[in-house]
Amino acid sequence: MSFIKYSNASRADLVRLHAFLEQYDSLVADKAIDTIIDSIGYIGENPSSGTPLVDRQNVRKSVIEFGASGYLFFHKRYEKKDMNFVTRIIHQKEWYEAETIGLVEERTKETKA
């Protein structure tokens, strides 16, 4: 089973997504975060899952179905460490620049170890 690490940005994304939904329904907010975390756990067993970004094959995009739309998460695979690094988690309707997702990696103790 592959190890999964979350970037600081992806952790902040979880807090942001939860806070947005919590304004409307705290139970839905909790269920959304549980669904996101469970879906990300799938890459532990299937580390090469997801669609590679066109301009950077080492960054993959995966879809999480939830409600009428869902979420996207972006991750990078590090074969030597048997690790997937989750770089961002966003709502499917959020605008994002694919060129910048996963480009600037956070240098933390976790990614260096």
Protein backbone atom coordinates (compact mmCIF):
# COMPACT_ATOMS: atom_id res chain seq x y z
CA MET A 1 0.00 0.00 0.00
CA SER A 2 1.36 3.37 -1.04
CA PHE A 3 1.85 6.12 1.52
CA ILE A 4 -0.24 9.30 1.11
CA LYS A 5 0.96 12.77 2.18
CA TYR A 6 -1.08 15.95 2.11
CA SER A 7 0.48 19.30 1.24
CA ASN A 8 -0.29 22.27 3.45
CA ALA A 9 -2.34 23.68 0.57
CA SER A 10 -4.46 20.52 0.35
CA ARG A 11 -5.05 20.57 4.12
CA ALA A 12 -6.16 24.20 3.83
CA ASP A 13 -8.42 23.17 0.95
CA LEU A 14 -10.18 20.64 3.19
CA VAL A 15 -10.78 23.31 5.84
CA ARG A 16 -12.00 25.79 3.20
CA LEU A 17 -14.36 23.29 1.55
CA HIS A 18 -15.78 22.22 4.91
CA ALA A 19 -16.32 25.83 6.04
CA PHE A 20 -18.17 26.65 2.82
CA LEU A 21 -20.60 23.73 3.14
CA GLU A 22 -21.00 24.16 6.88
CA GLN A 23 -22.71 27.50 6.26
CA TYR A 24 -25.61 25.52 4.79
CA ASP A 25 -25.53 22.12 6.50
CA SER A 26 -22.93 20.79 8.93
CA LEU A 27 -23.88 17.15 8.30
CA VAL A 28 -23.36 17.56 4.56
CA ALA A 29 -20.03 19.32 5.23
CA ASP A 30 -18.84 16.41 7.40
CA LYS A 31 -20.02 13.84 4.82
CA ALA A 32 -18.22 15.71 2.02
CA ILE A 33 -14.91 15.70 3.89
CA ASP A 34 -15.33 12.00 4.76
CA THR A 35 -16.03 11.23 1.09
CA ILE A 36 -12.99 13.23 -0.05
CA ILE A 37 -10.65 11.53 2.43
CA ASP A 38 -12.02 8.05 1.59
CA SER A 39 -11.61 8.74 -2.13
CA ILE A 40 -8.05 9.95 -1.68
CA GLY A 41 -7.36 6.75 0.25
CA TYR A 42 -8.06 4.84 -2.97
CA ILE A 43 -4.72 6.01 -4.40
CA GLY A 44 -2.99 4.18 -1.56
CA GLU A 45 -3.99 0.90 -3.19
CA ASN A 46 -3.97 2.22 -6.76
CA PRO A 47 -1.13 4.75 -6.78
CA SER A 48 -1.14 5.36 -10.53
CA SER A 49 -4.86 6.09 -10.74
CA GLY A 50 -6.17 9.36 -12.09
CA THR A 51 -5.67 11.22 -15.33
CA PRO A 52 -2.24 12.73 -16.03
CA LEU A 53 -2.28 16.45 -16.75
CA VAL A 54 -1.49 17.14 -20.39
CA ASP A 55 1.52 19.36 -19.77
CA ARG A 56 2.94 17.48 -16.75
CA GLN A 57 2.56 13.72 -16.78
CA ASN A 58 3.82 13.33 -13.19
CA VAL A 59 0.77 15.21 -11.81
CA ARG A 60 -2.53 13.35 -11.91
CA LYS A 61 -6.11 14.55 -11.51
CA SER A 62 -8.78 12.39 -9.90
CA VAL A 63 -12.53 12.97 -9.67
CA ILE A 64 -14.53 12.53 -6.47
CA GLU A 65 -18.27 12.24 -7.04
CA PHE A 66 -20.38 14.05 -4.46
CA GLY A 67 -23.81 15.57 -4.95
CA ALA A 68 -24.60 17.17 -8.30
CA SER A 69 -20.94 17.74 -9.18
CA GLY A 70 -18.10 16.75 -6.87
CA TYR A 71 -14.46 17.48 -6.25
CA LEU A 72 -11.06 17.13 -7.90
CA PHE A 73 -7.80 16.29 -6.26
CA PHE A 74 -4.35 16.51 -7.75
CA HIS A 75 -1.49 14.27 -6.71
CA LYS A 76 2.08 13.46 -7.63
CA ARG A 77 3.60 10.01 -7.48
CA TYR A 78 7.05 9.40 -6.00
CA GLU A 79 8.00 5.84 -6.96
CA LYS A 80 11.24 5.68 -4.94
CA LYS A 81 9.42 6.60 -1.74
CA ASP A 82 6.24 4.69 -2.64
CA MET A 83 4.34 7.88 -1.85
CA ASN A 84 1.57 9.94 -3.40
CA PHE A 85 1.64 13.63 -2.54
CA VAL A 86 -1.79 15.31 -2.62
CA THR A 87 -1.15 18.86 -3.81
CA ARG A 88 -4.65 20.39 -4.06
CA ILE A 89 -8.33 19.55 -3.50
CA ILE A 90 -10.96 21.72 -5.17
CA HIS A 91 -14.63 21.72 -6.10
CA GLN A 92 -15.27 20.72 -9.72
CA LYS A 93 -16.87 24.08 -10.45
CA GLU A 94 -13.91 26.06 -9.09
CA TRP A 95 -11.66 27.73 -11.59
CA TYR A 96 -8.03 26.62 -11.52
CA GLU A 97 -4.93 26.94 -13.63
CA ALA A 98 -3.85 23.43 -14.55
CA GLU A 99 -0.33 24.71 -15.26
CA THR A 100 0.20 25.68 -11.62
CA ILE A 101 -1.34 22.68 -9.87
CA GLY A 102 1.45 20.65 -8.31
CA LEU A 103 4.15 22.79 -9.91
CA VAL A 104 5.41 24.38 -6.74
CA GLU A 105 5.85 21.67 -4.18
CA GLU A 106 5.99 22.48 -0.54
CA ARG A 107 9.30 21.47 0.96
CA THR A 108 8.37 20.04 4.31
CA LYS A 109 9.91 17.41 6.50
CA GLU A 110 7.33 14.94 5.16
CA THR A 111 8.29 15.31 1.49
CA LYS A 112 12.01 15.23 2.22
CA ALA A 113 11.81 12.09 4.36
